[in-house]
Amino acid sequence: MNKIRKGDNVVVLSGKDKGRTGEVLQVLPKEDRAVVRGINMVKRHQRQTQTQEAGIINKEASIHLSNIAIVGKDGKPTRVGFQVVDGKKVRVAKRSGDVIDG
């Protein structure tokens, strides 16, 4: 079970986008990285295909999981722990102790 999942709202802890928040679009567990909407934008040169025009496009690059943290209910970054509640393993915010909806 991963601490950060697709659909989570996260805040960037370090790097050029420090302090910005976004939604996780994709998690790459083997590389310990995640793609976050609007964060770590890079320019890529695109060759023309049948569906897309040629040109320079902006897209999100992945960011390391250690550089992002889940946004708690108070809007501040929080670490994630695990607890067993009603026989199920759930994610818990370390800052507040609240169960994170999954």
N, C-alpha and C. Protein backbone atom coordinates (compact mmCIF):
# COMPACT_ATOMS: atom_id res chain seq x y z
N MET A 1 0.85 -1.19 0.00
CA MET A 1 0.00 0.00 0.00
C MET A 1 0.89 1.24 0.00
N ASN A 2 0.64 2.12 -0.95
CA ASN A 2 1.46 3.32 -1.09
C ASN A 2 0.96 4.45 -0.20
N LYS A 3 1.88 5.30 0.25
CA LYS A 3 1.50 6.45 1.07
C LYS A 3 0.88 7.54 0.22
N ILE A 4 1.33 7.67 -1.02
CA ILE A 4 0.76 8.66 -1.94
C ILE A 4 0.15 7.92 -3.11
N ARG A 5 -1.11 8.27 -3.42
CA ARG A 5 -1.85 7.58 -4.48
C ARG A 5 -2.37 8.56 -5.51
N LYS A 6 -2.78 8.03 -6.65
CA LYS A 6 -3.40 8.84 -7.70
C LYS A 6 -4.65 9.52 -7.13
N GLY A 7 -4.80 10.81 -7.43
CA GLY A 7 -5.96 11.56 -6.96
C GLY A 7 -5.72 12.33 -5.67
N ASP A 8 -4.62 12.08 -4.97
CA ASP A 8 -4.32 12.81 -3.74
C ASP A 8 -3.91 14.25 -4.05
N ASN A 9 -4.25 15.17 -3.16
CA ASN A 9 -3.75 16.54 -3.24
C ASN A 9 -2.45 16.59 -2.46
N VAL A 10 -1.40 17.11 -3.10
CA VAL A 10 -0.08 17.15 -2.48
C VAL A 10 0.50 18.55 -2.58
N VAL A 11 1.45 18.83 -1.70
CA VAL A 11 2.20 20.09 -1.72
C VAL A 11 3.66 19.75 -1.96
N VAL A 12 4.35 20.61 -2.74
CA VAL A 12 5.76 20.38 -3.06
C VAL A 12 6.60 20.96 -1.93
N LEU A 13 7.53 20.15 -1.41
CA LEU A 13 8.35 20.54 -0.27
C LEU A 13 9.66 21.19 -0.67
N SER A 14 10.19 20.86 -1.86
CA SER A 14 11.46 21.44 -2.29
C SER A 14 11.53 21.48 -3.80
N GLY A 15 12.42 22.33 -4.29
CA GLY A 15 12.60 22.47 -5.73
C GLY A 15 12.01 23.77 -6.23
N LYS A 16 11.96 23.91 -7.56
CA LYS A 16 11.52 25.18 -8.16
C LYS A 16 10.04 25.47 -7.92
N ASP A 17 9.25 24.44 -7.62
CA ASP A 17 7.82 24.62 -7.39
C ASP A 17 7.45 24.53 -5.91
N LYS A 18 8.41 24.80 -5.02
CA LYS A 18 8.20 24.67 -3.58
C LYS A 18 6.99 25.49 -3.13
N GLY A 19 6.11 24.84 -2.34
CA GLY A 19 4.94 25.51 -1.81
C GLY A 19 3.70 25.39 -2.66
N ARG A 20 3.83 24.97 -3.91
CA ARG A 20 2.66 24.84 -4.79
C ARG A 20 1.98 23.50 -4.54
N THR A 21 0.67 23.47 -4.80
CA THR A 21 -0.10 22.25 -4.60
C THR A 21 -0.67 21.78 -5.92
N GLY A 22 -0.99 20.49 -5.98
CA GLY A 22 -1.58 19.92 -7.18
C GLY A 22 -2.09 18.52 -6.90
N GLU A 23 -2.76 17.96 -7.90
CA GLU A 23 -3.33 16.62 -7.79
C GLU A 23 -2.39 15.62 -8.45
N VAL A 24 -2.22 14.48 -7.81
CA VAL A 24 -1.37 13.42 -8.36
C VAL A 24 -2.09 12.77 -9.54
N LEU A 25 -1.45 12.79 -10.71
CA LEU A 25 -2.02 12.20 -11.91
C LEU A 25 -1.58 10.76 -12.09
N GLN A 26 -0.34 10.46 -11.66
CA GLN A 26 0.23 9.13 -11.87
C GLN A 26 1.31 8.89 -10.83
N VAL A 27 1.39 7.66 -10.33
CA VAL A 27 2.44 7.28 -9.40
C VAL A 27 3.29 6.21 -10.06
N LEU A 28 4.61 6.38 -9.99
CA LEU A 28 5.56 5.42 -10.56
C LEU A 28 6.31 4.77 -9.40
N PRO A 29 5.75 3.70 -8.80
CA PRO A 29 6.33 3.14 -7.57
C PRO A 29 7.73 2.55 -7.75
N LYS A 30 8.04 2.01 -8.92
CA LYS A 30 9.37 1.41 -9.12
C LYS A 30 10.46 2.47 -9.11
N GLU A 31 10.13 3.69 -9.57
CA GLU A 31 11.11 4.79 -9.59
C GLU A 31 10.96 5.71 -8.38
N ASP A 32 9.97 5.46 -7.49
CA ASP A 32 9.68 6.34 -6.35
C ASP A 32 9.39 7.76 -6.80
N ARG A 33 8.58 7.91 -7.86
CA ARG A 33 8.27 9.21 -8.42
C ARG A 33 6.77 9.33 -8.67
N ALA A 34 6.31 10.58 -8.83
CA ALA A 34 4.90 10.83 -9.12
C ALA A 34 4.80 12.00 -10.08
N VAL A 35 3.72 12.01 -10.89
CA VAL A 35 3.43 13.12 -11.79
C VAL A 35 2.29 13.91 -11.17
N VAL A 36 2.51 15.22 -10.98
CA VAL A 36 1.54 16.08 -10.32
C VAL A 36 1.07 17.15 -11.31
N ARG A 37 -0.25 17.38 -11.38
CA ARG A 37 -0.83 18.34 -12.32
C ARG A 37 -0.28 19.75 -12.07
N GLY A 38 0.32 20.34 -13.11
CA GLY A 38 0.82 21.71 -13.05
C GLY A 38 2.15 21.90 -12.35
N ILE A 39 2.78 20.83 -11.92
CA ILE A 39 4.05 20.90 -11.19
C ILE A 39 5.17 20.32 -12.04
N ASN A 40 6.37 20.94 -11.96
CA ASN A 40 7.56 20.48 -12.68
C ASN A 40 7.31 20.44 -14.19
N MET A 41 6.80 21.55 -14.73
CA MET A 41 6.50 21.64 -16.16
C MET A 41 7.80 21.73 -16.96
N VAL A 42 7.85 20.96 -18.04
CA VAL A 42 9.00 20.97 -18.95
C VAL A 42 8.51 21.15 -20.38
N LYS A 43 9.38 21.65 -21.24
CA LYS A 43 9.03 21.83 -22.65
C LYS A 43 9.59 20.65 -23.43
N ARG A 44 8.77 20.10 -24.31
CA ARG A 44 9.18 18.97 -25.13
C ARG A 44 8.87 19.26 -26.59
N HIS A 45 9.81 18.94 -27.46
CA HIS A 45 9.60 19.12 -28.89
C HIS A 45 8.84 17.91 -29.41
N GLN A 46 7.75 18.17 -30.12
CA GLN A 46 6.85 17.10 -30.57
C GLN A 46 6.86 17.02 -32.09
N ARG A 47 7.06 15.83 -32.58
CA ARG A 47 6.96 15.59 -34.02
C ARG A 47 5.49 15.48 -34.40
N GLN A 48 5.15 15.87 -35.60
CA GLN A 48 3.76 15.81 -36.04
C GLN A 48 3.32 14.37 -36.25
N THR A 49 2.11 14.07 -35.77
CA THR A 49 1.50 12.77 -35.99
C THR A 49 0.12 13.00 -36.60
N GLN A 50 -0.62 11.92 -36.81
CA GLN A 50 -1.96 12.05 -37.38
C GLN A 50 -2.89 12.79 -36.42
N THR A 51 -2.66 12.63 -35.13
CA THR A 51 -3.57 13.23 -34.15
C THR A 51 -3.04 14.55 -33.58
N GLN A 52 -1.72 14.76 -33.55
CA GLN A 52 -1.17 15.96 -32.93
C GLN A 52 -0.33 16.76 -33.90
N GLU A 53 -0.35 18.07 -33.69
CA GLU A 53 0.43 18.98 -34.50
C GLU A 53 1.86 19.03 -33.97
N ALA A 54 2.78 19.42 -34.85
CA ALA A 54 4.17 19.56 -34.43
C ALA A 54 4.34 20.85 -33.63
N GLY A 55 5.35 20.89 -32.78
CA GLY A 55 5.63 22.10 -32.03
C GLY A 55 6.22 21.79 -30.67
N ILE A 56 6.34 22.83 -29.86
CA ILE A 56 6.87 22.68 -28.51
C ILE A 56 5.69 22.66 -27.55
N ILE A 57 5.59 21.60 -26.76
CA ILE A 57 4.47 21.46 -25.84
C ILE A 57 4.99 21.47 -24.39
N ASN A 58 4.14 21.92 -23.49
CA ASN A 58 4.45 21.88 -22.05
C ASN A 58 3.79 20.65 -21.46
N LYS A 59 4.53 19.91 -20.65
CA LYS A 59 3.96 18.75 -19.98
C LYS A 59 4.60 18.60 -18.61
N GLU A 60 3.93 17.82 -17.76
CA GLU A 60 4.45 17.60 -16.42
C GLU A 60 5.51 16.50 -16.44
N ALA A 61 6.62 16.75 -15.77
CA ALA A 61 7.63 15.72 -15.55
C ALA A 61 7.41 15.16 -14.15
N SER A 62 7.96 13.97 -13.90
CA SER A 62 7.76 13.35 -12.59
C SER A 62 8.62 14.05 -11.54
N ILE A 63 8.19 13.93 -10.29
CA ILE A 63 8.90 14.51 -9.16
C ILE A 63 9.07 13.40 -8.11
N HIS A 64 10.18 13.42 -7.40
CA HIS A 64 10.47 12.36 -6.44
C HIS A 64 9.49 12.42 -5.27
N LEU A 65 9.09 11.25 -4.78
CA LEU A 65 8.11 11.18 -3.70
C LEU A 65 8.59 11.86 -2.41
N SER A 66 9.89 11.93 -2.21
CA SER A 66 10.41 12.57 -1.00
C SER A 66 10.22 14.08 -1.03
N ASN A 67 9.93 14.64 -2.21
CA ASN A 67 9.78 16.08 -2.35
C ASN A 67 8.32 16.54 -2.32
N ILE A 68 7.39 15.62 -2.07
CA ILE A 68 5.98 15.99 -1.98
C ILE A 68 5.38 15.39 -0.71
N ALA A 69 4.33 16.05 -0.21
CA ALA A 69 3.64 15.56 0.98
C ALA A 69 2.15 15.79 0.79
N ILE A 70 1.34 14.92 1.36
CA ILE A 70 -0.11 15.04 1.27
C ILE A 70 -0.57 16.28 2.05
N VAL A 71 -1.56 16.98 1.49
CA VAL A 71 -2.14 18.14 2.15
C VAL A 71 -3.21 17.64 3.12
N GLY A 72 -3.07 18.02 4.39
CA GLY A 72 -4.05 17.64 5.40
C GLY A 72 -5.30 18.49 5.31
N LYS A 73 -6.25 18.24 6.21
CA LYS A 73 -7.50 18.99 6.21
C LYS A 73 -7.29 20.45 6.58
N ASP A 74 -6.18 20.75 7.28
CA ASP A 74 -5.88 22.13 7.65
C ASP A 74 -5.09 22.87 6.57
N GLY A 75 -4.81 22.19 5.45
CA GLY A 75 -4.09 22.81 4.33
C GLY A 75 -2.58 22.77 4.46
N LYS A 76 -2.08 22.11 5.50
CA LYS A 76 -0.64 22.02 5.71
C LYS A 76 -0.15 20.62 5.34
N PRO A 77 1.13 20.50 4.95
CA PRO A 77 1.65 19.18 4.59
C PRO A 77 1.70 18.25 5.81
N THR A 78 1.44 16.98 5.57
CA THR A 78 1.47 16.00 6.65
C THR A 78 2.11 14.72 6.15
N ARG A 79 2.76 14.02 7.08
CA ARG A 79 3.29 12.70 6.76
C ARG A 79 2.16 11.68 6.89
N VAL A 80 2.40 10.50 6.34
CA VAL A 80 1.35 9.47 6.30
C VAL A 80 1.81 8.24 7.06
N GLY A 81 0.91 7.72 7.90
CA GLY A 81 1.15 6.47 8.59
C GLY A 81 0.02 5.52 8.29
N PHE A 82 0.09 4.33 8.85
CA PHE A 82 -0.93 3.31 8.63
C PHE A 82 -1.47 2.81 9.95
N GLN A 83 -2.78 2.52 9.99
CA GLN A 83 -3.41 1.90 11.14
C GLN A 83 -4.43 0.90 10.65
N VAL A 84 -4.77 -0.05 11.50
CA VAL A 84 -5.83 -1.00 11.18
C VAL A 84 -7.10 -0.52 11.88
N VAL A 85 -8.12 -0.19 11.07
CA VAL A 85 -9.40 0.29 11.58
C VAL A 85 -10.49 -0.63 11.05
N ASP A 86 -11.26 -1.26 11.94
CA ASP A 86 -12.33 -2.19 11.55
C ASP A 86 -11.80 -3.30 10.65
N GLY A 87 -10.61 -3.79 10.92
CA GLY A 87 -10.04 -4.89 10.15
C GLY A 87 -9.46 -4.49 8.81
N LYS A 88 -9.41 -3.20 8.52
CA LYS A 88 -8.83 -2.73 7.26
C LYS A 88 -7.65 -1.82 7.55
N LYS A 89 -6.62 -1.93 6.72
CA LYS A 89 -5.46 -1.08 6.84
C LYS A 89 -5.76 0.25 6.13
N VAL A 90 -5.66 1.36 6.85
CA VAL A 90 -5.99 2.66 6.28
C VAL A 90 -4.83 3.63 6.48
N ARG A 91 -4.79 4.66 5.63
CA ARG A 91 -3.78 5.71 5.75
C ARG A 91 -4.25 6.75 6.78
N VAL A 92 -3.30 7.21 7.60
CA VAL A 92 -3.62 8.15 8.66
C VAL A 92 -2.65 9.33 8.57
N ALA A 93 -3.19 10.56 8.69
CA ALA A 93 -2.36 11.77 8.71
C ALA A 93 -1.64 11.86 10.05
N LYS A 94 -0.33 11.99 10.03
CA LYS A 94 0.45 12.05 11.27
C LYS A 94 0.19 13.36 12.02
N ARG A 95 -0.06 14.45 11.29
CA ARG A 95 -0.24 15.76 11.92
C ARG A 95 -1.51 15.80 12.77
N SER A 96 -2.61 15.26 12.21
CA SER A 96 -3.91 15.38 12.88
C SER A 96 -4.45 14.06 13.42
N GLY A 97 -3.97 12.95 12.87
CA GLY A 97 -4.49 11.65 13.28
C GLY A 97 -5.74 11.24 12.52
N ASP A 98 -6.17 12.07 11.57
CA ASP A 98 -7.37 11.76 10.78
C ASP A 98 -7.08 10.69 9.73
N VAL A 99 -8.12 9.90 9.42
CA VAL A 99 -8.01 8.91 8.36
C VAL A 99 -8.09 9.62 7.02
N ILE A 100 -7.17 9.29 6.11
CA ILE A 100 -7.15 9.89 4.77
C ILE A 100 -8.07 9.08 3.87
N ASP A 101 -9.00 9.76 3.23
CA ASP A 101 -9.94 9.08 2.33
C ASP A 101 -9.16 8.46 1.17
N GLY A 102 -9.48 7.25 0.84
CA GLY A 102 -8.77 6.56 -0.24
C GLY A 102 -9.70 6.05 -1.21
